[in-house]
Each structure stands twice: as C-alpha cells, then as structure tokens.
PDB file of N, CA and C in Angstrom:
ATOM      1  N   UNK A   1     121.204 181.413  13.133  1.00  0.00           N
ATOM      2  CA  UNK A   1     119.826 181.712  13.507  1.00  0.00           C
ATOM      3  C   UNK A   1     119.622 183.223  13.464  1.00  0.00           C
ATOM      4  N   UNK A   2     118.540 183.628  12.833  1.00  0.00           N
ATOM      5  CA  UNK A   2     118.244 185.053  12.721  1.00  0.00           C
ATOM      6  C   UNK A   2     117.263 185.464  13.797  1.00  0.00           C
ATOM      7  N   UNK A   3     117.519 186.630  14.380  1.00  0.00           N
ATOM      8  CA  UNK A   3     116.651 187.114  15.455  1.00  0.00           C
ATOM      9  C   UNK A   3     115.614 188.119  14.957  1.00  0.00           C
ATOM     10  N   UNK A   4     115.747 188.576  13.740  1.00  0.00           N
ATOM     11  CA  UNK A   4     114.785 189.518  13.204  1.00  0.00           C
ATOM     12  C   UNK A   4     115.131 190.976  13.448  1.00  0.00           C
ATOM     13  N   UNK A   5     116.290 191.264  14.070  1.00  0.00           N
ATOM     14  CA  UNK A   5     116.698 192.653  14.251  1.00  0.00           C
ATOM     15  C   UNK A   5     118.021 192.882  13.537  1.00  0.00           C
ATOM     16  N   UNK A   6     118.201 194.106  13.111  1.00  0.00           N
ATOM     17  CA  UNK A   6     119.422 194.439  12.391  1.00  0.00           C
ATOM     18  C   UNK A   6     120.570 194.661  13.368  1.00  0.00           C
ATOM     19  N   UNK A   7     121.755 194.690  12.822  1.00  0.00           N
ATOM     20  CA  UNK A   7     122.941 194.952  13.641  1.00  0.00           C
ATOM     21  C   UNK A   7     122.839 196.334  14.284  1.00  0.00           C
ATOM     22  N   UNK A   8     122.326 197.301  13.544  1.00  0.00           N
ATOM     23  CA  UNK A   8     122.171 198.668  14.064  1.00  0.00           C
ATOM     24  C   UNK A   8     121.161 198.698  15.212  1.00  0.00           C
ATOM     25  N   UNK A   9     120.056 197.973  15.070  1.00  0.00           N
ATOM     26  CA  UNK A   9     119.058 197.914  16.140  1.00  0.00           C
ATOM     27  C   UNK A   9     119.639 197.260  17.388  1.00  0.00           C
ATOM     28  N   UNK A  10     120.411 196.203  17.191  1.00  0.00           N
ATOM     29  CA  UNK A  10     121.044 195.519  18.315  1.00  0.00           C
ATOM     30  C   UNK A  10     122.026 196.453  19.016  1.00  0.00           C
ATOM     31  N   UNK A  11     122.793 197.184  18.227  1.00  0.00           N
ATOM     32  CA  UNK A  11     123.753 198.128  18.792  1.00  0.00           C
ATOM     33  C   UNK A  11     123.044 199.193  19.631  1.00  0.00           C
ATOM     34  N   UNK A  12     121.940 199.741  19.112  1.00  0.00           N
ATOM     35  CA  UNK A  12     121.179 200.753  19.847  1.00  0.00           C
ATOM     36  C   UNK A  12     120.606 200.168  21.134  1.00  0.00           C
ATOM     37  N   UNK A  13     120.120 198.940  21.069  1.00  0.00           N
ATOM     38  CA  UNK A  13     119.558 198.284  22.250  1.00  0.00           C
ATOM     39  C   UNK A  13     120.638 198.073  23.319  1.00  0.00           C
ATOM     40  N   UNK A  14     121.829 197.640  22.896  1.00  0.00           N
ATOM     41  CA  UNK A  14     122.932 197.439  23.842  1.00  0.00           C
ATOM     42  C   UNK A  14     123.374 198.763  24.463  1.00  0.00           C
ATOM     43  N   UNK A  15     123.467 199.806  23.637  1.00  0.00           N
ATOM     44  CA  UNK A  15     123.837 201.124  24.159  1.00  0.00           C
ATOM     45  C   UNK A  15     122.822 201.611  25.190  1.00  0.00           C
ATOM     46  N   UNK A  16     121.542 201.399  24.901  1.00  0.00           N
ATOM     47  CA  UNK A  16     120.484 201.810  25.827  1.00  0.00           C
ATOM     48  C   UNK A  16     120.608 201.035  27.141  1.00  0.00           C
ATOM     49  N   UNK A  17     120.830 199.730  27.052  1.00  0.00           N
ATOM     50  CA  UNK A  17     120.965 198.907  28.261  1.00  0.00           C
ATOM     51  C   UNK A  17     122.168 199.329  29.104  1.00  0.00           C
ATOM     52  N   UNK A  18     123.281 199.624  28.449  1.00  0.00           N
ATOM     53  CA  UNK A  18     124.479 200.067  29.171  1.00  0.00           C
ATOM     54  C   UNK A  18     124.224 201.412  29.843  1.00  0.00           C
ATOM     55  N   UNK A  19     123.551 202.306  29.150  1.00  0.00           N
ATOM     56  CA  UNK A  19     123.223 203.613  29.719  1.00  0.00           C
ATOM     57  C   UNK A  19     122.319 203.463  30.944  1.00  0.00           C
ATOM     58  N   UNK A  20     121.327 202.596  30.856  1.00  0.00           N
ATOM     59  CA  UNK A  20     120.431 202.355  31.987  1.00  0.00           C
ATOM     60  C   UNK A  20     121.214 201.806  33.172  1.00  0.00           C
ATOM     61  N   UNK A  21     122.117 200.873  32.922  1.00  0.00           N
ATOM     62  CA  UNK A  21     122.949 200.314  33.995  1.00  0.00           C
ATOM     63  C   UNK A  21     123.817 201.393  34.638  1.00  0.00           C
ATOM     64  N   UNK A  22     124.395 202.279  33.829  1.00  0.00           N
ATOM     65  CA  UNK A  22     125.247 203.341  34.356  1.00  0.00           C
ATOM     66  C   UNK A  22     124.437 204.316  35.220  1.00  0.00           C
ATOM     67  N   UNK A  23     123.249 204.680  34.749  1.00  0.00           N
ATOM     68  CA  UNK A  23     122.405 205.601  35.506  1.00  0.00           C
ATOM     69  C   UNK A  23     121.964 204.954  36.809  1.00  0.00           C
ATOM     70  N   UNK A  24     121.580 203.684  36.737  1.00  0.00           N
ATOM     71  CA  UNK A  24     121.155 202.962  37.936  1.00  0.00           C
ATOM     72  C   UNK A  24     122.287 202.886  38.949  1.00  0.00           C
ATOM     73  N   UNK A  25     123.480 202.601  38.488  1.00  0.00           N
ATOM     74  CA  UNK A  25     124.644 202.535  39.377  1.00  0.00           C
ATOM     75  C   UNK A  25     124.868 203.885  40.054  1.00  0.00           C
ATOM     76  N   UNK A  26     124.823 204.958  39.250  1.00  0.00           N
ATOM     77  CA  UNK A  26     125.098 206.297  39.775  1.00  0.00           C
ATOM     78  C   UNK A  26     123.992 206.797  40.706  1.00  0.00           C
ATOM     79  N   UNK A  27     122.744 206.639  40.290  1.00  0.00           N
ATOM     80  CA  UNK A  27     121.635 207.238  41.024  1.00  0.00           C
ATOM     81  C   UNK A  27     121.038 206.353  42.113  1.00  0.00           C
ATOM     82  N   UNK A  28     121.253 205.052  42.012  1.00  0.00           N
ATOM     83  CA  UNK A  28     120.674 204.151  43.016  1.00  0.00           C
ATOM     84  C   UNK A  28     121.775 203.555  43.886  1.00  0.00           C
ATOM     85  N   UNK A  29     122.579 202.670  43.315  1.00  0.00           N
ATOM     86  CA  UNK A  29     123.522 201.900  44.121  1.00  0.00           C
ATOM     87  C   UNK A  29     124.617 202.748  44.775  1.00  0.00           C
ATOM     88  N   UNK A  30     125.097 203.781  44.100  1.00  0.00           N
ATOM     89  CA  UNK A  30     126.118 204.633  44.711  1.00  0.00           C
ATOM     90  C   UNK A  30     125.557 205.547  45.803  1.00  0.00           C
ATOM     91  N   UNK A  31     124.235 205.643  45.880  1.00  0.00           N
ATOM     92  CA  UNK A  31     123.613 206.523  46.866  1.00  0.00           C
ATOM     93  C   UNK A  31     122.822 205.760  47.930  1.00  0.00           C
ATOM     94  N   UNK A  32     122.925 204.433  47.909  1.00  0.00           N
ATOM     95  CA  UNK A  32     122.223 203.629  48.918  1.00  0.00           C
ATOM     96  C   UNK A  32     122.920 203.792  50.254  1.00  0.00           C
ATOM     97  N   UNK A  33     122.130 204.066  51.268  1.00  0.00           N
ATOM     98  CA  UNK A  33     122.661 204.179  52.624  1.00  0.00           C
ATOM     99  C   UNK A  33     121.978 203.147  53.508  1.00  0.00           C
ATOM    100  N   UNK A  34     122.784 202.315  54.129  1.00  0.00           N
ATOM    101  CA  UNK A  34     122.255 201.367  55.094  1.00  0.00           C
ATOM    102  C   UNK A  34     122.485 201.967  56.464  1.00  0.00           C
ATOM    103  N   UNK A  35     121.416 202.143  57.195  1.00  0.00           N
ATOM    104  CA  UNK A  35     121.447 202.772  58.511  1.00  0.00           C
ATOM    105  C   UNK A  35     122.259 201.917  59.484  1.00  0.00           C
ATOM    106  N   UNK A  36     123.375 202.446  60.002  1.00  0.00           N
ATOM    107  CA  UNK A  36     124.191 201.678  60.957  1.00  0.00           C
ATOM    108  C   UNK A  36     123.400 201.242  62.191  1.00  0.00           C
ATOM    109  N   UNK A  37     122.451 202.068  62.597  1.00  0.00           N
ATOM    110  CA  UNK A  37     121.613 201.718  63.735  1.00  0.00           C
ATOM    111  C   UNK A  37     120.757 200.496  63.449  1.00  0.00           C
ATOM    112  N   UNK A  38     120.269 200.410  62.216  1.00  0.00           N
ATOM    113  CA  UNK A  38     119.452 199.251  61.831  1.00  0.00           C
ATOM    114  C   UNK A  38     120.305 197.987  61.767  1.00  0.00           C
ATOM    115  N   UNK A  39     121.575 198.132  61.354  1.00  0.00           N
ATOM    116  CA  UNK A  39     122.489 196.986  61.330  1.00  0.00           C
ATOM    117  C   UNK A  39     122.682 196.472  62.756  1.00  0.00           C
ATOM    118  N   UNK A  40     122.896 197.384  63.694  1.00  0.00           N
ATOM    119  CA  UNK A  40     123.087 196.997  65.093  1.00  0.00           C
ATOM    120  C   UNK A  40     121.827 196.364  65.680  1.00  0.00           C
ATOM    121  N   UNK A  41     120.664 196.937  65.370  1.00  0.00           N
ATOM    122  CA  UNK A  41     119.402 196.378  65.860  1.00  0.00           C
ATOM    123  C   UNK A  41     119.188 194.966  65.320  1.00  0.00           C
ATOM    124  N   UNK A  42     119.499 194.781  64.044  1.00  0.00           N
ATOM    125  CA  UNK A  42     119.331 193.456  63.437  1.00  0.00           C
ATOM    126  C   UNK A  42     120.248 192.448  64.104  1.00  0.00           C
ATOM    127  N   UNK A  43     121.491 192.841  64.361  1.00  0.00           N
ATOM    128  CA  UNK A  43     122.426 191.937  65.038  1.00  0.00           C
ATOM    129  C   UNK A  43     121.905 191.585  66.431  1.00  0.00           C
ATOM    130  N   UNK A  44     121.456 192.571  67.168  1.00  0.00           N
ATOM    131  CA  UNK A  44     120.960 192.322  68.524  1.00  0.00           C
ATOM    132  C   UNK A  44     119.739 191.402  68.501  1.00  0.00           C
ATOM    133  N   UNK A  45     118.864 191.608  67.529  1.00  0.00           N
ATOM    134  CA  UNK A  45     117.638 190.831  67.428  1.00  0.00           C
ATOM    135  C   UNK A  45     117.900 189.394  66.963  1.00  0.00           C
ATOM    136  N   UNK A  46     118.900 189.215  66.070  1.00  0.00           N
ATOM    137  CA  UNK A  46     119.129 187.910  65.435  1.00  0.00           C
ATOM    138  C   UNK A  46     120.506 187.336  65.751  1.00  0.00           C
ATOM    139  N   UNK A  47     121.103 187.802  66.816  1.00  0.00           N
ATOM    140  CA  UNK A  47     122.479 187.448  67.162  1.00  0.00           C
ATOM    141  C   UNK A  47     122.742 185.939  67.098  1.00  0.00           C
ATOM    142  N   UNK A  48     121.841 185.152  67.617  1.00  0.00           N
ATOM    143  CA  UNK A  48     122.042 183.702  67.680  1.00  0.00           C
ATOM    144  C   UNK A  48     122.102 183.048  66.303  1.00  0.00           C
ATOM    145  N   UNK A  49     121.573 183.712  65.294  1.00  0.00           N
ATOM    146  CA  UNK A  49     121.586 183.130  63.952  1.00  0.00           C
ATOM    147  C   UNK A  49     122.908 183.373  63.217  1.00  0.00           C
ATOM    148  N   UNK A  50     123.769 184.205  63.768  1.00  0.00           N
ATOM    149  CA  UNK A  50     125.045 184.502  63.119  1.00  0.00           C
ATOM    150  C   UNK A  50     126.142 183.631  63.717  1.00  0.00           C
ATOM    151  N   UNK A  51     126.336 182.492  63.069  1.00  0.00           N
ATOM    152  CA  UNK A  51     127.341 181.525  63.524  1.00  0.00           C
ATOM    153  C   UNK A  51     128.411 181.384  62.450  1.00  0.00           C
ATOM    154  N   UNK A  52     129.641 181.201  62.892  1.00  0.00           N
ATOM    155  CA  UNK A  52     130.754 180.971  61.991  1.00  0.00           C
ATOM    156  C   UNK A  52     131.468 179.701  62.376  1.00  0.00           C
ATOM    157  N   UNK A  53     132.611 179.413  61.740  1.00  0.00           N
ATOM    158  CA  UNK A  53     133.357 178.199  62.046  1.00  0.00           C
ATOM    159  C   UNK A  53     133.789 178.125  63.510  1.00  0.00           C
ATOM    160  N   UNK A  54     134.035 179.280  64.110  1.00  0.00           N
ATOM    161  CA  UNK A  54     134.485 179.290  65.510  1.00  0.00           C
ATOM    162  C   UNK A  54     133.343 179.569  66.491  1.00  0.00           C
ATOM    163  N   UNK A  55     132.102 179.474  66.008  1.00  0.00           N
ATOM    164  CA  UNK A  55     130.962 179.697  66.891  1.00  0.00           C
ATOM    165  C   UNK A  55     130.277 181.026  66.635  1.00  0.00           C
ATOM    166  N   UNK A  56     129.805 181.642  67.700  1.00  0.00           N
ATOM    167  CA  UNK A  56     129.066 182.901  67.615  1.00  0.00           C
ATOM    168  C   UNK A  56     129.917 183.996  66.962  1.00  0.00           C
ATOM    169  N   UNK A  57     129.357 184.639  65.933  1.00  0.00           N
ATOM    170  CA  UNK A  57     130.067 185.735  65.260  1.00  0.00           C
ATOM    171  C   UNK A  57     129.957 187.008  66.080  1.00  0.00           C
ATOM    172  N   UNK A  58     131.021 187.788  66.065  1.00  0.00           N
ATOM    173  CA  UNK A  58     130.967 189.124  66.662  1.00  0.00           C
ATOM    174  C   UNK A  58     130.167 190.022  65.725  1.00  0.00           C
ATOM    175  N   UNK A  59     129.817 191.202  66.211  1.00  0.00           N
ATOM    176  CA  UNK A  59     129.092 192.156  65.384  1.00  0.00           C
ATOM    177  C   UNK A  59     129.879 192.467  64.106  1.00  0.00           C
ATOM    178  N   UNK A  60     131.177 192.709  64.243  1.00  0.00           N
ATOM    179  CA  UNK A  60     132.004 193.050  63.077  1.00  0.00           C
ATOM    180  C   UNK A  60     132.069 191.902  62.072  1.00  0.00           C
ATOM    181  N   UNK A  61     132.096 190.670  62.549  1.00  0.00           N
ATOM    182  CA  UNK A  61     132.105 189.513  61.643  1.00  0.00           C
ATOM    183  C   UNK A  61     130.766 189.378  60.915  1.00  0.00           C
ATOM    184  N   UNK A  62     129.688 189.684  61.617  1.00  0.00           N
ATOM    185  CA  UNK A  62     128.344 189.520  61.059  1.00  0.00           C
ATOM    186  C   UNK A  62     127.901 190.711  60.206  1.00  0.00           C
ATOM    187  N   UNK A  63     128.550 191.849  60.377  1.00  0.00           N
ATOM    188  CA  UNK A  63     128.115 193.082  59.694  1.00  0.00           C
ATOM    189  C   UNK A  63     127.928 192.916  58.184  1.00  0.00           C
ATOM    190  N   UNK A  64     128.885 192.333  57.434  1.00  0.00           N
ATOM    191  CA  UNK A  64     128.663 192.210  55.979  1.00  0.00           C
ATOM    192  C   UNK A  64     127.404 191.411  55.630  1.00  0.00           C
ATOM    193  N   UNK A  65     127.147 190.343  56.354  1.00  0.00           N
ATOM    194  CA  UNK A  65     125.955 189.534  56.090  1.00  0.00           C
ATOM    195  C   UNK A  65     124.683 190.316  56.422  1.00  0.00           C
ATOM    196  N   UNK A  66     124.713 191.089  57.479  1.00  0.00           N
ATOM    197  CA  UNK A  66     123.554 191.891  57.869  1.00  0.00           C
ATOM    198  C   UNK A  66     123.306 192.977  56.821  1.00  0.00           C
ATOM    199  N   UNK A  67     124.371 193.649  56.393  1.00  0.00           N
ATOM    200  CA  UNK A  67     124.219 194.701  55.386  1.00  0.00           C
ATOM    201  C   UNK A  67     123.672 194.125  54.083  1.00  0.00           C
ATOM    202  N   UNK A  68     124.128 192.939  53.705  1.00  0.00           N
ATOM    203  CA  UNK A  68     123.620 192.281  52.501  1.00  0.00           C
ATOM    204  C   UNK A  68     122.131 191.972  52.655  1.00  0.00           C
ATOM    205  N   UNK A  69     121.742 191.559  53.837  1.00  0.00           N
ATOM    206  CA  UNK A  69     120.343 191.251  54.118  1.00  0.00           C
ATOM    207  C   UNK A  69     119.475 192.506  54.043  1.00  0.00           C
ATOM    208  N   UNK A  70     120.000 193.637  54.500  1.00  0.00           N
ATOM    209  CA  UNK A  70     119.251 194.894  54.517  1.00  0.00           C
ATOM    210  C   UNK A  70     119.296 195.638  53.178  1.00  0.00           C
ATOM    211  N   UNK A  71     120.179 195.222  52.279  1.00  0.00           N
ATOM    212  CA  UNK A  71     120.382 195.928  51.013  1.00  0.00           C
ATOM    213  C   UNK A  71     119.122 196.053  50.154  1.00  0.00           C
ATOM    214  N   UNK A  72     118.327 194.993  49.943  1.00  0.00           N
ATOM    215  CA  UNK A  72     117.153 195.168  49.069  1.00  0.00           C
ATOM    216  C   UNK A  72     116.205 196.263  49.543  1.00  0.00           C
ATOM    217  N   UNK A  73     115.949 196.357  50.833  1.00  0.00           N
ATOM    218  CA  UNK A  73     115.067 197.408  51.352  1.00  0.00           C
ATOM    219  C   UNK A  73     115.701 198.782  51.170  1.00  0.00           C
ATOM    220  N   UNK A  74     117.014 198.875  51.347  1.00  0.00           N
ATOM    221  CA  UNK A  74     117.710 200.156  51.173  1.00  0.00           C
ATOM    222  C   UNK A  74     117.680 200.589  49.713  1.00  0.00           C
ATOM    223  N   UNK A  75     117.837 199.637  48.798  1.00  0.00           N
ATOM    224  CA  UNK A  75     117.775 199.940  47.361  1.00  0.00           C
ATOM    225  C   UNK A  75     116.376 200.417  47.005  1.00  0.00           C
ATOM    226  N   UNK A  76     115.355 199.738  47.493  1.00  0.00           N
ATOM    227  CA  UNK A  76     113.969 200.119  47.221  1.00  0.00           C
ATOM    228  C   UNK A  76     113.700 201.537  47.741  1.00  0.00           C
ATOM    229  N   UNK A  77     114.188 201.834  48.931  1.00  0.00           N
ATOM    230  CA  UNK A  77     114.004 203.171  49.507  1.00  0.00           C
ATOM    231  C   UNK A  77     114.663 204.221  48.615  1.00  0.00           C
ATOM    232  N   UNK A  78     115.891 203.961  48.154  1.00  0.00           N
ATOM    233  CA  UNK A  78     116.597 204.914  47.288  1.00  0.00           C
ATOM    234  C   UNK A  78     115.882 205.064  45.950  1.00  0.00           C
ATOM    235  N   UNK A  79     115.365 203.958  45.401  1.00  0.00           N
ATOM    236  CA  UNK A  79     114.611 204.039  44.148  1.00  0.00           C
ATOM    237  C   UNK A  79     113.402 204.956  44.319  1.00  0.00           C
ATOM    238  N   UNK A  80     112.676 204.776  45.432  1.00  0.00           N
ATOM    239  CA  UNK A  80     111.501 205.610  45.696  1.00  0.00           C
ATOM    240  C   UNK A  80     111.880 207.082  45.829  1.00  0.00           C
ATOM    241  N   UNK A  81     113.000 207.359  46.516  1.00  0.00           N
ATOM    242  CA  UNK A  81     113.476 208.734  46.667  1.00  0.00           C
ATOM    243  C   UNK A  81     113.817 209.337  45.310  1.00  0.00           C
ATOM    244  N   UNK A  82     114.477 208.557  44.468  1.00  0.00           N
ATOM    245  CA  UNK A  82     114.885 209.042  43.153  1.00  0.00           C
ATOM    246  C   UNK A  82     113.673 209.334  42.283  1.00  0.00           C
ATOM    247  N   UNK A  83     112.680 208.451  42.326  1.00  0.00           N
ATOM    248  CA  UNK A  83     111.454 208.676  41.561  1.00  0.00           C
ATOM    249  C   UNK A  83     110.795 209.980  42.005  1.00  0.00           C
ATOM    250  N   UNK A  84     110.745 210.225  43.304  1.00  0.00           N
ATOM    251  CA  UNK A  84     110.161 211.473  43.801  1.00  0.00           C
ATOM    252  C   UNK A  84     110.958 212.685  43.326  1.00  0.00           C
ATOM    253  N   UNK A  85     112.296 212.576  43.319  1.00  0.00           N
ATOM    254  CA  UNK A  85     113.142 213.664  42.809  1.00  0.00           C
ATOM    255  C   UNK A  85     112.827 213.937  41.339  1.00  0.00           C
ATOM    256  N   UNK A  86     112.674 212.868  40.560  1.00  0.00           N
ATOM    257  CA  UNK A  86     112.361 213.013  39.141  1.00  0.00           C
ATOM    258  C   UNK A  86     110.991 213.654  38.934  1.00  0.00           C
ATOM    259  N   UNK A  87     110.018 213.235  39.745  1.00  0.00           N
ATOM    260  CA  UNK A  87     108.676 213.807  39.630  1.00  0.00           C
ATOM    261  C   UNK A  87     108.691 215.300  39.934  1.00  0.00           C
ATOM    262  N   UNK A  88     109.437 215.701  40.970  1.00  0.00           N
ATOM    263  CA  UNK A  88     109.486 217.115  41.342  1.00  0.00           C
ATOM    264  C   UNK A  88     110.132 217.958  40.241  1.00  0.00           C
ATOM    265  N   UNK A  89     111.087 217.384  39.550  1.00  0.00           N
ATOM    266  CA  UNK A  89     111.808 218.119  38.514  1.00  0.00           C
ATOM    267  C   UNK A  89     111.132 218.028  37.142  1.00  0.00           C
ATOM    268  N   UNK A  90     110.156 217.136  37.005  1.00  0.00           N
ATOM    269  CA  UNK A  90     109.536 216.897  35.700  1.00  0.00           C
ATOM    270  C   UNK A  90     108.535 217.986  35.335  1.00  0.00           C
ATOM    271  N   UNK A  91     108.459 218.227  34.067  1.00  0.00           N
ATOM    272  CA  UNK A  91     107.428 219.117  33.523  1.00  0.00           C
ATOM    273  C   UNK A  91     106.608 218.261  32.568  1.00  0.00           C
ATOM    274  N   UNK A  92     105.413 217.919  32.987  1.00  0.00           N
ATOM    275  CA  UNK A  92     104.580 217.004  32.212  1.00  0.00           C
ATOM    276  C   UNK A  92     103.432 217.786  31.599  1.00  0.00           C
ATOM    277  N   UNK A  93     103.236 217.567  30.308  1.00  0.00           N
ATOM    278  CA  UNK A  93     102.183 218.248  29.591  1.00  0.00           C
ATOM    279  C   UNK A  93     101.313 217.181  28.938  1.00  0.00           C
ATOM    280  N   UNK A  94     100.041 217.176  29.252  1.00  0.00           N
ATOM    281  CA  UNK A  94      99.120 216.189  28.686  1.00  0.00           C
ATOM    282  C   UNK A  94      98.407 216.840  27.509  1.00  0.00           C
ATOM    283  N   UNK A  95      98.509 216.188  26.359  1.00  0.00           N
ATOM    284  CA  UNK A  95      97.910 216.724  25.141  1.00  0.00           C
ATOM    285  C   UNK A  95      96.886 215.709  24.644  1.00  0.00           C
ATOM    286  N   UNK A  96      95.656 216.153  24.457  1.00  0.00           N
ATOM    287  CA  UNK A  96      94.633 215.264  23.914  1.00  0.00           C
ATOM    288  C   UNK A  96      94.851 215.126  22.416  1.00  0.00           C
ATOM    289  N   UNK A  97      94.200 214.148  21.803  1.00  0.00           N
ATOM    290  CA  UNK A  97      94.333 213.948  20.357  1.00  0.00           C
ATOM    291  C   UNK A  97      93.915 215.198  19.597  1.00  0.00           C
ATOM    292  N   UNK A  98      92.840 215.859  20.044  1.00  0.00           N
ATOM    293  CA  UNK A  98      92.369 217.073  19.367  1.00  0.00           C
ATOM    294  C   UNK A  98      93.401 218.184  19.482  1.00  0.00           C
ATOM    295  N   UNK A  99      93.987 218.351  20.668  1.00  0.00           N
ATOM    296  CA  UNK A  99      95.001 219.384  20.867  1.00  0.00           C
ATOM    297  C   UNK A  99      96.232 219.101  20.028  1.00  0.00           C
ATOM    298  N   UNK A 100      96.624 217.835  19.955  1.00  0.00           N
ATOM    299  CA  UNK A 100      97.801 217.448  19.186  1.00  0.00           C
ATOM    300  C   UNK A 100      97.550 217.697  17.704  1.00  0.00           C
ATOM    301  N   UNK A 101      96.362 217.365  17.210  1.00  0.00           N
ATOM    302  CA  UNK A 101      96.030 217.591  15.818  1.00  0.00           C
ATOM    303  C   UNK A 101      96.004 219.091  15.512  1.00  0.00           C
ATOM    304  N   UNK A 102      95.435 219.885  16.415  1.00  0.00           N
ATOM    305  CA  UNK A 102      95.388 221.341  16.220  1.00  0.00           C
ATOM    306  C   UNK A 102      96.796 221.915  16.178  1.00  0.00           C
ATOM    307  N   UNK A 103      97.672 221.411  17.012  1.00  0.00           N
ATOM    308  CA  UNK A 103      99.060 221.883  17.040  1.00  0.00           C
ATOM    309  C   UNK A 103      99.769 221.556  15.738  1.00  0.00           C
ATOM    310  N   UNK A 104      99.371 220.425  15.116  1.00  0.00           N
ATOM    311  CA  UNK A 104     100.006 220.027  13.847  1.00  0.00           C
ATOM    312  C   UNK A 104      99.272 220.635  12.648  1.00  0.00           C
ATOM    313  N   UNK A 105      98.132 221.266  12.899  1.00  0.00           N
ATOM    314  CA  UNK A 105      97.368 221.868  11.801  1.00  0.00           C
ATOM    315  C   UNK A 105      96.514 220.874  11.054  1.00  0.00           C
ATOM    316  N   UNK A 106      96.188 219.748  11.705  1.00  0.00           N
ATOM    317  CA  UNK A 106      95.331 218.741  11.068  1.00  0.00           C
ATOM    318  C   UNK A 106      94.062 218.571  11.853  1.00  0.00           C
ATOM    319  N   UNK A 107      93.117 217.882  11.271  1.00  0.00           N
ATOM    320  CA  UNK A 107      91.840 217.633  11.958  1.00  0.00           C
ATOM    321  C   UNK A 107      91.764 216.224  12.424  1.00  0.00           C
TER     322      UNK A 107
END
C-alpha cells in the first residue's frame, strides 16, 4: 500500500517527531515540579479513597498515586511557563504583503 510520501519525506517527518519528543522531554517533563504541599493536602482531603490490600494506605504508600493524579496539572503549568519564556525571548516581525514584496523588489 502506498501512502503518497517518499522515503525521504517520511525520514524527515520521523526526525522532526523525534526532535519534538526530545525537546518536550527536556523542557517540559524534566522540569515538572509537583508541589509536596499539594500532595500532602490531597492526601489529607482524600485519605479515605486511598485503600490497598491491607486497608488504609499511609501517605508514603499513596504518594505515587497522588503525584500521578496531580501530574497533568503540573505539566500544563510547566507548558504555560515555557511558552511565556519563549515569548519573552522571541523577536517577532510582522511583514505585510506590500512590505514583503518591496523587500523582494517586486510589486
């Protein structure tokens, strides 16, 4: 079955995807911080919902599940922080069609 893309195009697409994954890992997931205080508050608030084979889980037993629960919000927060960092460092220049044509020497 043909997909309509060349081997070279597929290779470039895979390289781009791998690069995006590497950047995301470095800039988002490696820099995510889950507030220990929020983990403790969540345990205190939802303590009865953390049950294991031997009954009520201790804070230390429940911590991984709580951190997993809090992870999406922490990732979103880090993504927002990173976007703001990128915006502050960005130099954006808006060029109208007329300006772009003038720069190229065309009308």
